[in-house]
Amino acid sequence: MWTRQHKQRNTGRLIIPSLCVAFLAYFGFHAYHGEFGIYSKYRLQAEAVDLQSKLDAVKARRIDLQRRVQLMHQGTLEKDMLDEQARKALNMSHADEITIMLPATAR
């Protein structure tokens, strides 16, 4: 007949579950906060939206500049456009003209 020489402890039953909890907590934390985690995904999406809006503004500005340059090409040069640009660059006007000053944000 065999007899046990040591007493059964409850701590042995908790080792594997505690290791599993620690393992899952570690990888769960890094799945959310890591470099390629869920939080980073949302941050990158918000940055992409911001950059897309900046790109749209730059494209609109480029189209406007292309239109204005097209008006100044050889053969299609409009004297009104040239006069407007010269007055704006030199900050001058005729004595009989009325000048309306706009704030910088309204332009």
C-alpha atoms as a PDB file:
ATOM      1  CA  MET A   1       0.000   0.000   0.000  1.00  0.00           C
ATOM      2  CA  TRP A   2       1.275   3.406  -0.997  1.00  0.00           C
ATOM      3  CA  THR A   3       0.975   6.433   1.192  1.00  0.00           C
ATOM      4  CA  ARG A   4       1.472  10.081   0.430  1.00  0.00           C
ATOM      5  CA  GLN A   5       4.300  11.729   2.223  1.00  0.00           C
ATOM      6  CA  HIS A   6       3.348  15.350   1.417  1.00  0.00           C
ATOM      7  CA  LYS A   7       0.197  17.374   1.801  1.00  0.00           C
ATOM      8  CA  GLN A   8      -1.732  18.504  -1.320  1.00  0.00           C
ATOM      9  CA  ARG A   9      -1.484  22.321  -1.682  1.00  0.00           C
ATOM     10  CA  ASN A  10      -3.976  24.635  -3.381  1.00  0.00           C
ATOM     11  CA  THR A  11      -1.249  26.919  -4.707  1.00  0.00           C
ATOM     12  CA  GLY A  12      -0.381  24.443  -7.454  1.00  0.00           C
ATOM     13  CA  ARG A  13      -3.884  24.789  -8.852  1.00  0.00           C
ATOM     14  CA  LEU A  14      -3.464  28.573  -9.209  1.00  0.00           C
ATOM     15  CA  ILE A  15      -0.136  28.649 -11.059  1.00  0.00           C
ATOM     16  CA  ILE A  16      -1.392  27.887 -14.577  1.00  0.00           C
ATOM     17  CA  PRO A  17      -4.512  30.111 -14.403  1.00  0.00           C
ATOM     18  CA  SER A  18      -2.444  33.013 -13.028  1.00  0.00           C
ATOM     19  CA  LEU A  19       0.123  32.579 -15.817  1.00  0.00           C
ATOM     20  CA  CYS A  20      -2.701  32.540 -18.377  1.00  0.00           C
ATOM     21  CA  VAL A  21      -4.208  35.719 -16.923  1.00  0.00           C
ATOM     22  CA  ALA A  22      -0.811  37.442 -16.967  1.00  0.00           C
ATOM     23  CA  PHE A  23      -0.215  36.276 -20.556  1.00  0.00           C
ATOM     24  CA  LEU A  24      -3.629  37.503 -21.742  1.00  0.00           C
ATOM     25  CA  ALA A  25      -3.289  40.809 -19.878  1.00  0.00           C
ATOM     26  CA  TYR A  26       0.119  41.471 -21.449  1.00  0.00           C
ATOM     27  CA  PHE A  27      -0.968  40.757 -24.996  1.00  0.00           C
ATOM     28  CA  GLY A  28      -4.347  42.419 -24.504  1.00  0.00           C
ATOM     29  CA  PHE A  29      -2.672  45.618 -23.356  1.00  0.00           C
ATOM     30  CA  HIS A  30      -0.337  45.641 -26.343  1.00  0.00           C
ATOM     31  CA  ALA A  31      -3.162  44.775 -28.744  1.00  0.00           C
ATOM     32  CA  TYR A  32      -4.883  48.003 -27.703  1.00  0.00           C
ATOM     33  CA  HIS A  33      -1.975  50.367 -26.943  1.00  0.00           C
ATOM     34  CA  GLY A  34       0.798  48.899 -29.094  1.00  0.00           C
ATOM     35  CA  GLU A  35       2.313  50.337 -32.236  1.00  0.00           C
ATOM     36  CA  PHE A  36      -0.149  48.435 -34.444  1.00  0.00           C
ATOM     37  CA  GLY A  37      -2.952  48.312 -31.872  1.00  0.00           C
ATOM     38  CA  ILE A  38      -6.550  49.459 -31.980  1.00  0.00           C
ATOM     39  CA  TYR A  39      -5.809  52.899 -30.506  1.00  0.00           C
ATOM     40  CA  SER A  40      -3.085  53.491 -33.104  1.00  0.00           C
ATOM     41  CA  LYS A  41      -5.509  52.562 -35.860  1.00  0.00           C
ATOM     42  CA  TYR A  42      -7.990  55.223 -34.737  1.00  0.00           C
ATOM     43  CA  ARG A  43      -5.215  57.792 -34.384  1.00  0.00           C
ATOM     44  CA  LEU A  44      -3.968  57.035 -37.912  1.00  0.00           C
ATOM     45  CA  GLN A  45      -7.499  57.290 -39.323  1.00  0.00           C
ATOM     46  CA  ALA A  46      -7.967  60.707 -37.699  1.00  0.00           C
ATOM     47  CA  GLU A  47      -4.614  61.851 -39.079  1.00  0.00           C
ATOM     48  CA  ALA A  48      -5.593  60.589 -42.547  1.00  0.00           C
ATOM     49  CA  VAL A  49      -8.818  62.632 -42.428  1.00  0.00           C
ATOM     50  CA  ASP A  50      -6.869  65.738 -41.380  1.00  0.00           C
ATOM     51  CA  LEU A  51      -4.290  65.260 -44.126  1.00  0.00           C
ATOM     52  CA  GLN A  52      -7.042  64.643 -46.709  1.00  0.00           C
ATOM     53  CA  SER A  53      -8.689  67.954 -45.814  1.00  0.00           C
ATOM     54  CA  LYS A  54      -5.328  69.721 -46.162  1.00  0.00           C
ATOM     55  CA  LEU A  55      -4.812  68.030 -49.534  1.00  0.00           C
ATOM     56  CA  ASP A  56      -8.231  69.188 -50.724  1.00  0.00           C
ATOM     57  CA  ALA A  57      -7.419  72.767 -49.683  1.00  0.00           C
ATOM     58  CA  VAL A  58      -4.082  72.646 -51.533  1.00  0.00           C
ATOM     59  CA  LYS A  59      -5.763  71.211 -54.644  1.00  0.00           C
ATOM     60  CA  ALA A  60      -8.381  73.975 -54.598  1.00  0.00           C
ATOM     61  CA  ARG A  61      -5.641  76.604 -54.234  1.00  0.00           C
ATOM     62  CA  ARG A  62      -3.704  75.029 -57.108  1.00  0.00           C
ATOM     63  CA  ILE A  63      -6.765  75.056 -59.388  1.00  0.00           C
ATOM     64  CA  ASP A  64      -7.322  78.722 -58.542  1.00  0.00           C
ATOM     65  CA  LEU A  65      -3.695  79.569 -59.291  1.00  0.00           C
ATOM     66  CA  GLN A  66      -3.796  77.628 -62.557  1.00  0.00           C
ATOM     67  CA  ARG A  67      -6.904  79.546 -63.610  1.00  0.00           C
ATOM     68  CA  ARG A  68      -5.237  82.863 -62.800  1.00  0.00           C
ATOM     69  CA  VAL A  69      -2.041  81.892 -64.647  1.00  0.00           C
ATOM     70  CA  GLN A  70      -4.119  80.833 -67.651  1.00  0.00           C
ATOM     71  CA  LEU A  71      -5.565  84.348 -67.782  1.00  0.00           C
ATOM     72  CA  MET A  72      -2.056  85.781 -68.007  1.00  0.00           C
ATOM     73  CA  HIS A  73      -0.781  83.587 -70.891  1.00  0.00           C
ATOM     74  CA  GLN A  74       0.331  85.089 -74.184  1.00  0.00           C
ATOM     75  CA  GLY A  75      -2.635  85.918 -76.395  1.00  0.00           C
ATOM     76  CA  THR A  76      -5.184  85.637 -73.581  1.00  0.00           C
ATOM     77  CA  LEU A  77      -3.761  88.382 -71.403  1.00  0.00           C
ATOM     78  CA  GLU A  78      -6.575  90.426 -69.946  1.00  0.00           C
ATOM     79  CA  LYS A  79      -5.702  93.997 -69.190  1.00  0.00           C
ATOM     80  CA  ASP A  80      -8.048  94.081 -66.196  1.00  0.00           C
ATOM     81  CA  MET A  81      -6.266  91.102 -64.654  1.00  0.00           C
ATOM     82  CA  LEU A  82      -2.870  92.676 -65.278  1.00  0.00           C
ATOM     83  CA  ASP A  83      -4.023  96.008 -63.851  1.00  0.00           C
ATOM     84  CA  GLU A  84      -5.471  94.288 -60.758  1.00  0.00           C
ATOM     85  CA  GLN A  85      -2.265  92.348 -60.098  1.00  0.00           C
ATOM     86  CA  ALA A  86      -0.052  95.434 -60.584  1.00  0.00           C
ATOM     87  CA  ARG A  87      -2.150  97.517 -58.200  1.00  0.00           C
ATOM     88  CA  LYS A  88      -2.170  94.745 -55.628  1.00  0.00           C
ATOM     89  CA  ALA A  89       1.603  94.266 -55.859  1.00  0.00           C
ATOM     90  CA  LEU A  90       2.376  97.997 -55.741  1.00  0.00           C
ATOM     91  CA  ASN A  91      -0.390  98.782 -53.222  1.00  0.00           C
ATOM     92  CA  MET A  92      -1.579 101.741 -55.306  1.00  0.00           C
ATOM     93  CA  SER A  93      -4.850 103.060 -56.711  1.00  0.00           C
ATOM     94  CA  HIS A  94      -6.091 106.024 -58.749  1.00  0.00           C
ATOM     95  CA  ALA A  95      -7.247 109.185 -57.002  1.00  0.00           C
ATOM     96  CA  ASP A  96     -10.838 108.809 -58.190  1.00  0.00           C
ATOM     97  CA  GLU A  97     -11.207 105.168 -57.060  1.00  0.00           C
ATOM     98  CA  ILE A  98     -12.807 103.942 -53.865  1.00  0.00           C
ATOM     99  CA  THR A  99     -10.717 101.384 -51.989  1.00  0.00           C
ATOM    100  CA  ILE A 100     -12.436  98.868 -49.719  1.00  0.00           C
ATOM    101  CA  MET A 101     -10.111  97.243 -47.222  1.00  0.00           C
ATOM    102  CA  LEU A 102     -11.045  93.657 -46.299  1.00  0.00           C
ATOM    103  CA  PRO A 103      -9.725  91.785 -43.270  1.00  0.00           C
ATOM    104  CA  ALA A 104      -7.194  89.047 -44.007  1.00  0.00           C
ATOM    105  CA  THR A 105      -9.668  86.295 -43.026  1.00  0.00           C
ATOM    106  CA  ALA A 106     -12.291  87.441 -45.554  1.00  0.00           C
ATOM    107  CA  ARG A 107     -10.002  86.948 -48.564  1.00  0.00           C
END
